[in-house]
Amino acid sequence: MSTQAHELPDTGRLDIDDAKERLRQVLRQHRRKRHRHPARGHDAVCESLTTHALEAVKGMDRVAAYVSVGHEPCTRLLLERLTERGVRVLLPVLGPHLSRSWAYYRGAADLAERAPGRPPEPSGRVLPPEEVERVDALLIPALAVDRGGRRLGQGGGWYDRLLPLRADGVRVFAMVHDDELVAGPLPTEAHDEPVDAVITPEEWFLLEGSAFASER
C-alpha cells in the first residue's frame, strides 16, 4: 500500500486492556483530524472504498455491514450499491441494554437514530443474533488491523460476541482507512476474533493469517 501506516506507541509494558485503550486514544485522535465523510451523498474516497468493497463481496447474496458515522470509513454509498445489485444487507440493531440484534437495510430514508450516539438503524423487524448465520460475508468496522488479522475495535465487544455465530467458511472483512493497516502485532485476548481481509480506499486483500489467503 502506498499510504504509510500510523506509527503506534509502544504498549509492551502495559497490560492488554490498558494497551488497547492507549491505542484507541491515539487512533481516534488521528481520525478526528480527518475530513469527515458526508452523511448524505459521497466523495471520491467513498467511491473508491465502495468499489473495492463491491469487488470483495462479488457474487454474494446476503452480507452483514454497518452504517458509518463520523470519521469511520464510509459505508452509506456501499449500502445503496449493494441493494441496487439485489444483495440483502443485514445491519446491527442495539436493543435494550445494548442487546445484540439485526435488521435488514431498507434504504437510506428508512435509517433513523434510535438513541444519542448510536449509529442509525433500520426500522424493520428486529432479528436475533443468530441471523448472522445466514450471511455470506461480514463487513465490519475497526480502528486498526494488523497484517496477521488482529483487529482493534471500539471496545464494546459487539462483534466479538457475534462473529463466532457466523457459518463456517464465511469471510470477515474489516474496513479501515489506508493508514490503519499496521504492522502490529496489535494486542489481543482469547475472545478477540481475527478478520480475514481488509478493505481500504486503495485496495482490498486477504491477510496472511486468513484460512482463505491461498484462494484469491
N, C-alpha and C. Protein backbone atom coordinates (compact mmCIF):
# COMPACT_ATOMS: atom_id res chain seq x y z
N MET A 1 0.85 -1.19 0.00
CA MET A 1 0.00 0.00 0.00
C MET A 1 0.88 1.24 0.00
N SER A 2 0.45 2.26 -0.70
CA SER A 2 1.30 3.44 -0.83
C SER A 2 1.21 4.36 0.38
N THR A 3 0.12 4.32 1.10
CA THR A 3 -0.03 5.18 2.27
C THR A 3 0.70 4.58 3.46
N GLN A 4 1.51 5.39 4.12
CA GLN A 4 2.28 4.89 5.25
C GLN A 4 1.36 4.67 6.45
N ALA A 5 1.52 3.53 7.10
CA ALA A 5 0.71 3.20 8.26
C ALA A 5 1.08 4.09 9.44
N HIS A 6 0.13 4.25 10.35
CA HIS A 6 0.40 5.01 11.56
C HIS A 6 1.53 4.36 12.35
N GLU A 7 2.36 5.21 12.95
CA GLU A 7 3.34 4.72 13.93
C GLU A 7 2.66 4.74 15.28
N LEU A 8 2.38 3.57 15.81
CA LEU A 8 1.66 3.47 17.07
C LEU A 8 2.64 3.43 18.24
N PRO A 9 2.22 3.91 19.39
CA PRO A 9 3.12 3.91 20.56
C PRO A 9 3.43 2.50 21.03
N ASP A 10 4.56 2.33 21.66
CA ASP A 10 4.94 1.05 22.25
C ASP A 10 4.11 0.82 23.52
N THR A 11 3.31 -0.23 23.49
CA THR A 11 2.46 -0.53 24.65
C THR A 11 2.87 -1.85 25.31
N GLY A 12 4.06 -2.31 25.02
CA GLY A 12 4.50 -3.61 25.51
C GLY A 12 4.55 -3.73 27.02
N ARG A 13 4.71 -2.62 27.72
CA ARG A 13 4.81 -2.68 29.19
C ARG A 13 3.45 -2.56 29.87
N LEU A 14 2.40 -2.34 29.09
CA LEU A 14 1.06 -2.20 29.66
C LEU A 14 0.33 -3.54 29.63
N ASP A 15 -0.63 -3.71 30.53
CA ASP A 15 -1.46 -4.91 30.41
C ASP A 15 -2.36 -4.73 29.20
N ILE A 16 -3.01 -5.80 28.76
CA ILE A 16 -3.69 -5.79 27.47
C ILE A 16 -4.80 -4.74 27.43
N ASP A 17 -5.61 -4.65 28.48
CA ASP A 17 -6.70 -3.67 28.47
C ASP A 17 -6.17 -2.25 28.36
N ASP A 18 -5.12 -1.94 29.11
CA ASP A 18 -4.54 -0.60 29.06
C ASP A 18 -3.89 -0.34 27.70
N ALA A 19 -3.25 -1.38 27.15
CA ALA A 19 -2.61 -1.23 25.84
C ALA A 19 -3.64 -0.93 24.76
N LYS A 20 -4.75 -1.66 24.79
CA LYS A 20 -5.81 -1.41 23.82
C LYS A 20 -6.36 0.00 23.95
N GLU A 21 -6.60 0.41 25.17
CA GLU A 21 -7.18 1.73 25.37
C GLU A 21 -6.23 2.84 24.93
N ARG A 22 -4.95 2.65 25.18
CA ARG A 22 -3.97 3.64 24.73
C ARG A 22 -3.96 3.75 23.21
N LEU A 23 -4.00 2.61 22.53
CA LEU A 23 -4.01 2.62 21.07
C LEU A 23 -5.31 3.23 20.53
N ARG A 24 -6.42 2.93 21.19
CA ARG A 24 -7.69 3.54 20.76
C ARG A 24 -7.63 5.06 20.85
N GLN A 25 -7.05 5.57 21.93
CA GLN A 25 -6.95 7.02 22.09
C GLN A 25 -6.16 7.63 20.93
N VAL A 26 -5.04 7.00 20.58
CA VAL A 26 -4.19 7.52 19.51
C VAL A 26 -4.91 7.44 18.16
N LEU A 27 -5.55 6.32 17.88
CA LEU A 27 -6.21 6.14 16.59
C LEU A 27 -7.43 7.04 16.45
N ARG A 28 -8.17 7.23 17.53
CA ARG A 28 -9.32 8.14 17.48
C ARG A 28 -8.86 9.58 17.24
N GLN A 29 -7.73 9.93 17.86
CA GLN A 29 -7.19 11.28 17.65
C GLN A 29 -6.81 11.48 16.18
N HIS A 30 -6.19 10.46 15.58
CA HIS A 30 -5.87 10.54 14.15
C HIS A 30 -7.14 10.72 13.33
N ARG A 31 -8.18 9.98 13.68
CA ARG A 31 -9.42 10.06 12.91
C ARG A 31 -10.06 11.44 13.02
N ARG A 32 -9.99 12.03 14.17
CA ARG A 32 -10.61 13.34 14.34
C ARG A 32 -9.96 14.41 13.46
N LYS A 33 -8.75 14.16 13.02
CA LYS A 33 -8.06 15.11 12.15
C LYS A 33 -8.44 14.93 10.68
N ARG A 34 -9.18 13.88 10.40
CA ARG A 34 -9.55 13.59 9.02
C ARG A 34 -10.73 14.44 8.56
N HIS A 35 -10.85 14.50 7.24
CA HIS A 35 -12.07 15.06 6.64
C HIS A 35 -13.23 14.12 6.96
N ARG A 36 -14.31 14.68 7.45
CA ARG A 36 -15.50 13.89 7.77
C ARG A 36 -16.26 13.59 6.48
N HIS A 37 -16.54 12.31 6.24
CA HIS A 37 -17.30 11.96 5.05
C HIS A 37 -18.74 12.44 5.18
N PRO A 38 -19.36 12.81 4.08
CA PRO A 38 -20.72 13.31 4.16
C PRO A 38 -21.70 12.23 4.61
N ALA A 39 -22.63 12.61 5.50
CA ALA A 39 -23.66 11.65 5.93
C ALA A 39 -24.60 11.33 4.78
N ARG A 40 -24.80 12.29 3.90
CA ARG A 40 -25.60 12.06 2.71
C ARG A 40 -24.74 12.40 1.49
N GLY A 41 -24.95 11.70 0.42
CA GLY A 41 -24.08 11.87 -0.73
C GLY A 41 -22.78 11.12 -0.52
N HIS A 42 -21.75 11.48 -1.27
CA HIS A 42 -20.48 10.78 -1.15
C HIS A 42 -19.38 11.62 -1.77
N ASP A 43 -18.13 11.20 -1.52
CA ASP A 43 -16.99 11.87 -2.11
C ASP A 43 -16.13 10.82 -2.81
N ALA A 44 -14.96 11.25 -3.33
CA ALA A 44 -14.12 10.34 -4.10
C ALA A 44 -13.59 9.18 -3.26
N VAL A 45 -13.30 9.45 -1.98
CA VAL A 45 -12.81 8.39 -1.10
C VAL A 45 -13.91 7.34 -0.88
N CYS A 46 -15.14 7.80 -0.67
CA CYS A 46 -16.26 6.87 -0.53
C CYS A 46 -16.44 6.02 -1.78
N GLU A 47 -16.33 6.66 -2.93
CA GLU A 47 -16.46 5.94 -4.19
C GLU A 47 -15.42 4.84 -4.31
N SER A 48 -14.17 5.17 -3.97
CA SER A 48 -13.09 4.20 -4.08
C SER A 48 -13.26 3.05 -3.10
N LEU A 49 -13.60 3.38 -1.86
CA LEU A 49 -13.82 2.34 -0.85
C LEU A 49 -14.97 1.43 -1.27
N THR A 50 -16.03 2.03 -1.79
CA THR A 50 -17.19 1.25 -2.24
C THR A 50 -16.82 0.31 -3.37
N THR A 51 -16.03 0.79 -4.31
CA THR A 51 -15.60 -0.04 -5.43
C THR A 51 -14.89 -1.29 -4.95
N HIS A 52 -13.96 -1.13 -4.01
CA HIS A 52 -13.20 -2.29 -3.52
C HIS A 52 -14.07 -3.22 -2.68
N ALA A 53 -14.98 -2.65 -1.91
CA ALA A 53 -15.87 -3.49 -1.12
C ALA A 53 -16.77 -4.33 -2.01
N LEU A 54 -17.26 -3.74 -3.09
CA LEU A 54 -18.11 -4.49 -4.03
C LEU A 54 -17.32 -5.61 -4.70
N GLU A 55 -16.06 -5.35 -5.01
CA GLU A 55 -15.21 -6.41 -5.56
C GLU A 55 -15.05 -7.55 -4.57
N ALA A 56 -14.88 -7.20 -3.29
CA ALA A 56 -14.62 -8.21 -2.26
C ALA A 56 -15.80 -9.15 -2.07
N VAL A 57 -17.02 -8.65 -2.22
CA VAL A 57 -18.21 -9.48 -1.96
C VAL A 57 -18.95 -9.81 -3.25
N LYS A 58 -18.28 -9.72 -4.36
CA LYS A 58 -18.92 -10.00 -5.66
C LYS A 58 -19.51 -11.41 -5.66
N GLY A 59 -20.73 -11.51 -6.13
CA GLY A 59 -21.41 -12.80 -6.24
C GLY A 59 -22.12 -13.25 -4.99
N MET A 60 -22.02 -12.50 -3.91
CA MET A 60 -22.67 -12.88 -2.66
C MET A 60 -24.10 -12.33 -2.61
N ASP A 61 -24.99 -13.07 -1.99
CA ASP A 61 -26.41 -12.71 -1.95
C ASP A 61 -26.83 -11.96 -0.69
N ARG A 62 -26.08 -12.17 0.39
CA ARG A 62 -26.50 -11.60 1.67
C ARG A 62 -25.25 -11.29 2.48
N VAL A 63 -25.11 -10.05 2.92
CA VAL A 63 -23.94 -9.66 3.71
C VAL A 63 -24.39 -8.87 4.93
N ALA A 64 -23.58 -8.92 5.97
CA ALA A 64 -23.75 -8.05 7.12
C ALA A 64 -22.81 -6.87 6.95
N ALA A 65 -23.28 -5.68 7.29
CA ALA A 65 -22.46 -4.48 7.17
C ALA A 65 -22.78 -3.56 8.34
N TYR A 66 -22.45 -2.28 8.21
CA TYR A 66 -22.73 -1.31 9.27
C TYR A 66 -22.95 0.05 8.64
N VAL A 67 -23.57 0.94 9.40
CA VAL A 67 -23.79 2.31 8.95
C VAL A 67 -22.69 3.18 9.52
N SER A 68 -21.88 3.76 8.67
CA SER A 68 -20.76 4.56 9.15
C SER A 68 -21.24 5.89 9.74
N VAL A 69 -20.51 6.34 10.75
CA VAL A 69 -20.77 7.63 11.38
C VAL A 69 -19.44 8.35 11.59
N GLY A 70 -19.51 9.67 11.67
CA GLY A 70 -18.32 10.45 11.98
C GLY A 70 -17.19 10.24 10.99
N HIS A 71 -16.04 9.85 11.51
CA HIS A 71 -14.84 9.70 10.70
C HIS A 71 -14.56 8.25 10.34
N GLU A 72 -15.53 7.37 10.50
CA GLU A 72 -15.34 5.98 10.10
C GLU A 72 -15.24 5.87 8.58
N PRO A 73 -14.57 4.82 8.07
CA PRO A 73 -14.63 4.56 6.63
C PRO A 73 -16.09 4.49 6.19
N CYS A 74 -16.44 5.23 5.17
CA CYS A 74 -17.85 5.42 4.82
C CYS A 74 -18.45 4.16 4.20
N THR A 75 -19.68 3.88 4.59
CA THR A 75 -20.39 2.71 4.05
C THR A 75 -21.74 3.06 3.46
N ARG A 76 -22.19 4.28 3.58
CA ARG A 76 -23.56 4.60 3.17
C ARG A 76 -23.76 4.42 1.66
N LEU A 77 -22.78 4.82 0.89
CA LEU A 77 -22.87 4.59 -0.55
C LEU A 77 -22.83 3.09 -0.85
N LEU A 78 -22.01 2.37 -0.12
CA LEU A 78 -21.92 0.92 -0.30
C LEU A 78 -23.26 0.24 -0.04
N LEU A 79 -23.96 0.65 1.01
CA LEU A 79 -25.26 0.06 1.31
C LEU A 79 -26.22 0.25 0.13
N GLU A 80 -26.20 1.44 -0.47
CA GLU A 80 -27.06 1.70 -1.62
C GLU A 80 -26.68 0.83 -2.81
N ARG A 81 -25.38 0.74 -3.08
CA ARG A 81 -24.93 -0.03 -4.25
C ARG A 81 -25.20 -1.53 -4.08
N LEU A 82 -25.01 -2.04 -2.88
CA LEU A 82 -25.31 -3.44 -2.64
C LEU A 82 -26.79 -3.72 -2.89
N THR A 83 -27.64 -2.84 -2.39
CA THR A 83 -29.08 -3.02 -2.57
C THR A 83 -29.46 -2.96 -4.04
N GLU A 84 -28.84 -2.04 -4.79
CA GLU A 84 -29.10 -1.94 -6.22
C GLU A 84 -28.76 -3.24 -6.94
N ARG A 85 -27.79 -3.99 -6.43
CA ARG A 85 -27.37 -5.25 -7.03
C ARG A 85 -28.19 -6.44 -6.53
N GLY A 86 -29.17 -6.17 -5.69
CA GLY A 86 -30.01 -7.24 -5.20
C GLY A 86 -29.47 -7.97 -3.99
N VAL A 87 -28.44 -7.42 -3.37
CA VAL A 87 -27.86 -8.04 -2.18
C VAL A 87 -28.67 -7.62 -0.95
N ARG A 88 -29.02 -8.57 -0.12
CA ARG A 88 -29.69 -8.25 1.14
C ARG A 88 -28.63 -7.89 2.17
N VAL A 89 -28.83 -6.77 2.87
CA VAL A 89 -27.82 -6.25 3.79
C VAL A 89 -28.37 -6.24 5.21
N LEU A 90 -27.67 -6.95 6.07
CA LEU A 90 -28.03 -7.04 7.48
C LEU A 90 -27.26 -5.99 8.26
N LEU A 91 -27.95 -5.22 9.10
CA LEU A 91 -27.31 -4.14 9.87
C LEU A 91 -27.52 -4.34 11.36
N PRO A 92 -26.57 -3.88 12.18
CA PRO A 92 -26.72 -4.01 13.64
C PRO A 92 -27.88 -3.19 14.17
N VAL A 93 -28.53 -3.74 15.18
CA VAL A 93 -29.54 -3.05 15.95
C VAL A 93 -29.20 -3.22 17.42
N LEU A 94 -29.09 -2.12 18.14
CA LEU A 94 -28.77 -2.17 19.56
C LEU A 94 -30.06 -2.02 20.36
N GLY A 95 -30.49 -3.11 20.95
CA GLY A 95 -31.72 -3.09 21.72
C GLY A 95 -31.49 -2.65 23.15
N PRO A 96 -32.46 -2.94 24.04
CA PRO A 96 -32.31 -2.58 25.45
C PRO A 96 -31.04 -3.17 26.05
N HIS A 97 -30.34 -2.36 26.85
CA HIS A 97 -29.08 -2.79 27.49
C HIS A 97 -28.05 -3.21 26.45
N LEU A 98 -28.10 -2.57 25.26
CA LEU A 98 -27.16 -2.86 24.17
C LEU A 98 -27.22 -4.31 23.73
N SER A 99 -28.41 -4.91 23.77
CA SER A 99 -28.57 -6.27 23.28
C SER A 99 -28.21 -6.31 21.80
N ARG A 100 -27.75 -7.45 21.36
CA ARG A 100 -27.20 -7.57 20.02
C ARG A 100 -28.24 -8.20 19.10
N SER A 101 -28.71 -7.40 18.16
CA SER A 101 -29.74 -7.84 17.23
C SER A 101 -29.41 -7.30 15.83
N TRP A 102 -30.26 -7.66 14.87
CA TRP A 102 -30.06 -7.24 13.48
C TRP A 102 -31.39 -6.80 12.88
N ALA A 103 -31.30 -6.09 11.77
CA ALA A 103 -32.45 -5.83 10.91
C ALA A 103 -31.92 -5.59 9.50
N TYR A 104 -32.76 -5.80 8.50
CA TYR A 104 -32.32 -5.65 7.12
C TYR A 104 -32.48 -4.21 6.64
N TYR A 105 -31.50 -3.77 5.89
CA TYR A 105 -31.49 -2.43 5.30
C TYR A 105 -32.62 -2.29 4.30
N ARG A 106 -33.36 -1.17 4.40
CA ARG A 106 -34.48 -0.93 3.50
C ARG A 106 -34.39 0.44 2.84
N GLY A 107 -33.17 0.92 2.70
CA GLY A 107 -32.95 2.20 2.05
C GLY A 107 -32.53 3.28 3.02
N ALA A 108 -31.82 4.29 2.50
CA ALA A 108 -31.28 5.35 3.36
C ALA A 108 -32.37 6.11 4.09
N ALA A 109 -33.52 6.31 3.45
CA ALA A 109 -34.59 7.08 4.07
C ALA A 109 -35.18 6.36 5.28
N ASP A 110 -34.98 5.07 5.36
CA ASP A 110 -35.53 4.28 6.47
C ASP A 110 -34.66 4.34 7.72
N LEU A 111 -33.39 4.71 7.57
CA LEU A 111 -32.47 4.72 8.70
C LEU A 111 -32.81 5.85 9.66
N ALA A 112 -32.77 5.56 10.95
CA ALA A 112 -33.07 6.59 11.95
C ALA A 112 -32.24 6.35 13.19
N GLU A 113 -31.83 7.45 13.83
CA GLU A 113 -31.06 7.36 15.07
C GLU A 113 -32.03 7.07 16.22
N ARG A 114 -31.87 5.91 16.85
CA ARG A 114 -32.78 5.48 17.91
C ARG A 114 -32.39 6.04 19.28
N ALA A 115 -31.13 6.37 19.45
CA ALA A 115 -30.66 6.92 20.72
C ALA A 115 -29.41 7.74 20.45
N PRO A 116 -29.14 8.77 21.25
CA PRO A 116 -27.97 9.62 21.02
C PRO A 116 -26.68 8.81 21.03
N GLY A 117 -25.84 9.07 20.04
CA GLY A 117 -24.54 8.42 19.98
C GLY A 117 -24.53 7.09 19.28
N ARG A 118 -25.69 6.55 18.95
CA ARG A 118 -25.74 5.27 18.24
C ARG A 118 -25.82 5.51 16.74
N PRO A 119 -25.27 4.58 15.95
CA PRO A 119 -25.45 4.69 14.50
C PRO A 119 -26.93 4.54 14.14
N PRO A 120 -27.35 5.13 13.03
CA PRO A 120 -28.73 4.95 12.58
C PRO A 120 -29.04 3.47 12.34
N GLU A 121 -30.30 3.11 12.54
CA GLU A 121 -30.72 1.71 12.42
C GLU A 121 -31.95 1.60 11.53
N PRO A 122 -32.14 0.44 10.90
CA PRO A 122 -33.34 0.23 10.10
C PRO A 122 -34.57 0.09 11.00
N SER A 123 -35.73 0.31 10.41
CA SER A 123 -36.96 0.23 11.19
C SER A 123 -37.67 -1.11 11.06
N GLY A 124 -37.10 -2.01 10.28
CA GLY A 124 -37.77 -3.29 10.05
C GLY A 124 -37.74 -4.21 11.25
N ARG A 125 -38.25 -5.43 11.03
CA ARG A 125 -38.35 -6.41 12.10
C ARG A 125 -36.98 -6.69 12.71
N VAL A 126 -36.91 -6.64 14.04
CA VAL A 126 -35.66 -6.91 14.73
C VAL A 126 -35.45 -8.41 14.81
N LEU A 127 -34.26 -8.84 14.43
CA LEU A 127 -33.94 -10.25 14.32
C LEU A 127 -32.89 -10.63 15.37
N PRO A 128 -32.87 -11.89 15.78
CA PRO A 128 -31.94 -12.31 16.83
C PRO A 128 -30.49 -12.36 16.34
N PRO A 129 -29.53 -12.46 17.26
CA PRO A 129 -28.12 -12.51 16.86
C PRO A 129 -27.83 -13.62 15.86
N GLU A 130 -28.55 -14.73 15.95
CA GLU A 130 -28.29 -15.89 15.08
C GLU A 130 -28.60 -15.64 13.61
N GLU A 131 -29.23 -14.50 13.29
CA GLU A 131 -29.49 -14.19 11.88
C GLU A 131 -28.19 -14.09 11.09
N VAL A 132 -27.10 -13.81 11.78
CA VAL A 132 -25.80 -13.69 11.10
C VAL A 132 -25.36 -15.01 10.48
N GLU A 133 -25.95 -16.12 10.91
CA GLU A 133 -25.63 -17.42 10.32
C GLU A 133 -26.00 -17.48 8.84
N ARG A 134 -26.86 -16.57 8.38
CA ARG A 134 -27.38 -16.63 7.02
C ARG A 134 -26.56 -15.81 6.03
N VAL A 135 -25.61 -15.01 6.50
CA VAL A 135 -24.89 -14.14 5.57
C VAL A 135 -23.70 -14.86 4.95
N ASP A 136 -23.29 -14.34 3.79
CA ASP A 136 -22.14 -14.89 3.06
C ASP A 136 -20.84 -14.22 3.44
N ALA A 137 -20.92 -13.04 4.05
CA ALA A 137 -19.71 -12.30 4.47
C ALA A 137 -20.12 -11.22 5.45
N LEU A 138 -19.16 -10.76 6.24
CA LEU A 138 -19.39 -9.64 7.14
C LEU A 138 -18.40 -8.54 6.83
N LEU A 139 -18.91 -7.31 6.72
CA LEU A 139 -18.09 -6.12 6.56
C LEU A 139 -18.20 -5.36 7.87
N ILE A 140 -17.10 -5.28 8.61
CA ILE A 140 -17.18 -4.75 9.96
C ILE A 140 -16.22 -3.57 10.16
N PRO A 141 -16.52 -2.71 11.12
CA PRO A 141 -15.63 -1.56 11.39
C PRO A 141 -14.43 -1.98 12.23
N ALA A 142 -13.40 -1.16 12.20
CA ALA A 142 -12.21 -1.36 13.03
C ALA A 142 -11.48 -0.03 13.13
N LEU A 143 -10.76 0.15 14.23
CA LEU A 143 -9.87 1.29 14.34
C LEU A 143 -8.52 1.00 13.69
N ALA A 144 -8.12 -0.26 13.72
CA ALA A 144 -6.88 -0.68 13.07
C ALA A 144 -6.92 -2.20 12.92
N VAL A 145 -6.14 -2.68 11.96
CA VAL A 145 -5.96 -4.12 11.74
C VAL A 145 -4.49 -4.34 11.43
N ASP A 146 -3.92 -5.41 11.95
CA ASP A 146 -2.54 -5.71 11.56
C ASP A 146 -2.54 -6.82 10.50
N ARG A 147 -1.37 -7.07 9.94
CA ARG A 147 -1.28 -7.98 8.80
C ARG A 147 -1.49 -9.45 9.18
N GLY A 148 -1.58 -9.74 10.47
CA GLY A 148 -1.93 -11.08 10.91
C GLY A 148 -3.42 -11.24 11.15
N GLY A 149 -4.21 -10.20 10.87
CA GLY A 149 -5.65 -10.28 11.03
C GLY A 149 -6.15 -9.87 12.40
N ARG A 150 -5.27 -9.37 13.26
CA ARG A 150 -5.71 -8.90 14.58
C ARG A 150 -6.41 -7.55 14.41
N ARG A 151 -7.57 -7.43 15.04
CA ARG A 151 -8.40 -6.24 14.87
C ARG A 151 -8.54 -5.51 16.20
N LEU A 152 -8.42 -4.19 16.14
CA LEU A 152 -8.71 -3.35 17.30
C LEU A 152 -10.01 -2.63 17.03
N GLY A 153 -11.03 -2.95 17.81
CA GLY A 153 -12.33 -2.30 17.66
C GLY A 153 -12.50 -1.17 18.64
N GLN A 154 -13.73 -0.71 18.77
CA GLN A 154 -14.03 0.42 19.65
C GLN A 154 -14.07 0.04 21.12
N GLY A 155 -14.13 -1.23 21.42
CA GLY A 155 -14.05 -1.66 22.81
C GLY A 155 -15.35 -2.16 23.41
N GLY A 156 -16.43 -2.15 22.63
CA GLY A 156 -17.71 -2.60 23.17
C GLY A 156 -17.90 -4.10 23.15
N GLY A 157 -17.11 -4.81 22.36
CA GLY A 157 -17.22 -6.26 22.29
C GLY A 157 -18.39 -6.78 21.47
N TRP A 158 -19.03 -5.89 20.70
CA TRP A 158 -20.21 -6.28 19.94
C TRP A 158 -19.89 -7.40 18.95
N TYR A 159 -18.86 -7.20 18.17
CA TYR A 159 -18.53 -8.19 17.15
C TYR A 159 -17.83 -9.42 17.73
N ASP A 160 -17.15 -9.27 18.83
CA ASP A 160 -16.52 -10.44 19.45
C ASP A 160 -17.57 -11.47 19.85
N ARG A 161 -18.76 -11.01 20.17
CA ARG A 161 -19.84 -11.92 20.56
C ARG A 161 -20.61 -12.45 19.37
N LEU A 162 -20.62 -11.70 18.27
CA LEU A 162 -21.42 -12.10 17.12
C LEU A 162 -20.64 -12.89 16.08
N LEU A 163 -19.37 -12.60 15.91
CA LEU A 163 -18.60 -13.30 14.88
C LEU A 163 -18.56 -14.82 15.08
N PRO A 164 -18.49 -15.32 16.32
CA PRO A 164 -18.49 -16.79 16.46
C PRO A 164 -19.78 -17.45 16.00
N LEU A 165 -20.84 -16.68 15.77
CA LEU A 165 -22.11 -17.25 15.34
C LEU A 165 -22.18 -17.43 13.83
N ARG A 166 -21.24 -16.90 13.08
CA ARG A 166 -21.31 -17.00 11.63
C ARG A 166 -21.10 -18.44 11.18
N ALA A 167 -21.57 -18.76 9.99
CA ALA A 167 -21.42 -20.11 9.44
C ALA A 167 -19.97 -20.36 9.04
N ASP A 168 -19.61 -21.63 8.96
CA ASP A 168 -18.27 -22.00 8.52
C ASP A 168 -18.02 -21.48 7.11
N GLY A 169 -16.81 -21.00 6.90
CA GLY A 169 -16.43 -20.55 5.56
C GLY A 169 -16.83 -19.14 5.21
N VAL A 170 -17.40 -18.40 6.17
CA VAL A 170 -17.82 -17.03 5.93
C VAL A 170 -16.67 -16.07 6.25
N ARG A 171 -16.33 -15.24 5.30
CA ARG A 171 -15.20 -14.32 5.48
C ARG A 171 -15.62 -13.07 6.24
N VAL A 172 -14.65 -12.54 6.98
CA VAL A 172 -14.86 -11.29 7.72
C VAL A 172 -13.90 -10.25 7.16
N PHE A 173 -14.45 -9.14 6.67
CA PHE A 173 -13.68 -8.05 6.09
C PHE A 173 -13.73 -6.85 7.03
N ALA A 174 -12.58 -6.33 7.40
CA ALA A 174 -12.51 -5.11 8.20
C ALA A 174 -12.31 -3.92 7.28
N MET A 175 -13.10 -2.89 7.49
CA MET A 175 -12.99 -1.69 6.67
C MET A 175 -12.24 -0.62 7.45
N VAL A 176 -11.10 -0.19 6.90
CA VAL A 176 -10.24 0.78 7.58
C VAL A 176 -9.74 1.81 6.58
N HIS A 177 -9.26 2.93 7.11
CA HIS A 177 -8.56 3.89 6.28
C HIS A 177 -7.21 3.30 5.87
N ASP A 178 -6.65 3.85 4.80
CA ASP A 178 -5.41 3.28 4.26
C ASP A 178 -4.30 3.14 5.29
N ASP A 179 -4.16 4.13 6.18
CA ASP A 179 -3.05 4.12 7.12
C ASP A 179 -3.36 3.37 8.41
N GLU A 180 -4.50 2.69 8.47
CA GLU A 180 -4.87 1.94 9.67
C GLU A 180 -4.61 0.45 9.53
N LEU A 181 -4.01 0.03 8.44
CA LEU A 181 -3.47 -1.32 8.33
C LEU A 181 -2.03 -1.23 8.81
N VAL A 182 -1.76 -1.78 9.99
CA VAL A 182 -0.48 -1.56 10.67
C VAL A 182 0.32 -2.86 10.72
N ALA A 183 1.60 -2.71 11.01
CA ALA A 183 2.47 -3.88 11.07
C ALA A 183 2.14 -4.77 12.26
N GLY A 184 1.82 -4.13 13.40
CA GLY A 184 1.46 -4.90 14.59
C GLY A 184 2.66 -5.55 15.25
N PRO A 185 2.42 -6.55 16.10
CA PRO A 185 1.09 -7.11 16.37
C PRO A 185 0.28 -6.24 17.32
N LEU A 186 -1.01 -6.13 17.04
CA LEU A 186 -1.92 -5.45 17.94
C LEU A 186 -2.22 -6.35 19.14
N PRO A 187 -2.45 -5.78 20.31
CA PRO A 187 -2.75 -6.60 21.49
C PRO A 187 -4.10 -7.30 21.35
N THR A 188 -4.13 -8.56 21.72
CA THR A 188 -5.37 -9.34 21.63
C THR A 188 -5.55 -10.21 22.86
N GLU A 189 -6.80 -10.59 23.08
CA GLU A 189 -7.15 -11.53 24.13
C GLU A 189 -7.80 -12.76 23.50
N ALA A 190 -8.04 -13.77 24.32
CA ALA A 190 -8.55 -15.03 23.79
C ALA A 190 -9.88 -14.87 23.07
N HIS A 191 -10.72 -13.92 23.50
CA HIS A 191 -12.04 -13.76 22.89
C HIS A 191 -12.01 -12.91 21.63
N ASP A 192 -10.89 -12.28 21.32
CA ASP A 192 -10.80 -11.41 20.15
C ASP A 192 -10.84 -12.24 18.87
N GLU A 193 -11.77 -11.92 18.00
CA GLU A 193 -11.93 -12.65 16.75
C GLU A 193 -11.09 -12.00 15.65
N PRO A 194 -10.25 -12.77 14.95
CA PRO A 194 -9.47 -12.20 13.85
C PRO A 194 -10.34 -11.96 12.62
N VAL A 195 -9.83 -11.14 11.70
CA VAL A 195 -10.50 -10.91 10.43
C VAL A 195 -9.70 -11.57 9.32
N ASP A 196 -10.37 -11.80 8.21
CA ASP A 196 -9.73 -12.48 7.08
C ASP A 196 -9.12 -11.52 6.07
N ALA A 197 -9.67 -10.31 6.01
CA ALA A 197 -9.24 -9.39 4.95
C ALA A 197 -9.48 -7.96 5.38
N VAL A 198 -8.85 -7.04 4.67
CA VAL A 198 -9.09 -5.61 4.87
C VAL A 198 -9.59 -5.00 3.56
N ILE A 199 -10.42 -3.98 3.71
CA ILE A 199 -10.88 -3.18 2.58
C ILE A 199 -10.52 -1.74 2.90
N THR A 200 -9.80 -1.10 2.01
CA THR A 200 -9.42 0.30 2.17
C THR A 200 -9.78 1.05 0.89
N PRO A 201 -9.67 2.38 0.90
CA PRO A 201 -9.91 3.11 -0.35
C PRO A 201 -8.91 2.78 -1.46
N GLU A 202 -7.76 2.18 -1.11
CA GLU A 202 -6.76 1.85 -2.12
C GLU A 202 -6.94 0.46 -2.72
N GLU A 203 -7.39 -0.50 -1.91
CA GLU A 203 -7.45 -1.89 -2.38
C GLU A 203 -8.16 -2.75 -1.34
N TRP A 204 -8.34 -4.02 -1.68
CA TRP A 204 -8.75 -5.00 -0.68
C TRP A 204 -7.89 -6.24 -0.88
N PHE A 205 -7.61 -6.95 0.19
CA PHE A 205 -6.86 -8.20 0.05
C PHE A 205 -7.01 -9.05 1.31
N LEU A 206 -6.82 -10.34 1.11
CA LEU A 206 -6.83 -11.29 2.22
C LEU A 206 -5.52 -11.16 2.99
N LEU A 207 -5.60 -11.35 4.29
CA LEU A 207 -4.44 -11.20 5.16
C LEU A 207 -3.70 -12.52 5.33
N GLU A 208 -2.46 -12.41 5.76
CA GLU A 208 -1.59 -13.58 5.87
C GLU A 208 -2.16 -14.67 6.77
N GLY A 209 -2.83 -14.27 7.84
CA GLY A 209 -3.33 -15.24 8.79
C GLY A 209 -4.65 -15.88 8.40
N SER A 210 -5.25 -15.46 7.29
CA SER A 210 -6.56 -15.96 6.90
C SER A 210 -6.48 -17.37 6.35
N ALA A 211 -7.49 -18.17 6.69
CA ALA A 211 -7.59 -19.52 6.13
C ALA A 211 -7.90 -19.47 4.64
N PHE A 212 -8.34 -18.32 4.14
CA PHE A 212 -8.71 -18.18 2.74
C PHE A 212 -7.60 -17.54 1.90
N ALA A 213 -6.45 -17.27 2.49
CA ALA A 213 -5.43 -16.47 1.83
C ALA A 213 -4.93 -17.10 0.54
N SER A 214 -4.98 -18.41 0.43
CA SER A 214 -4.47 -19.07 -0.77
C SER A 214 -5.50 -19.16 -1.89
N GLU A 215 -6.73 -18.66 -1.64
CA GLU A 215 -7.81 -18.86 -2.60
C GLU A 215 -7.89 -17.76 -3.66
N ARG A 216 -7.38 -16.58 -3.31
CA ARG A 216 -7.54 -15.46 -4.25
C ARG A 216 -6.56 -15.54 -5.39
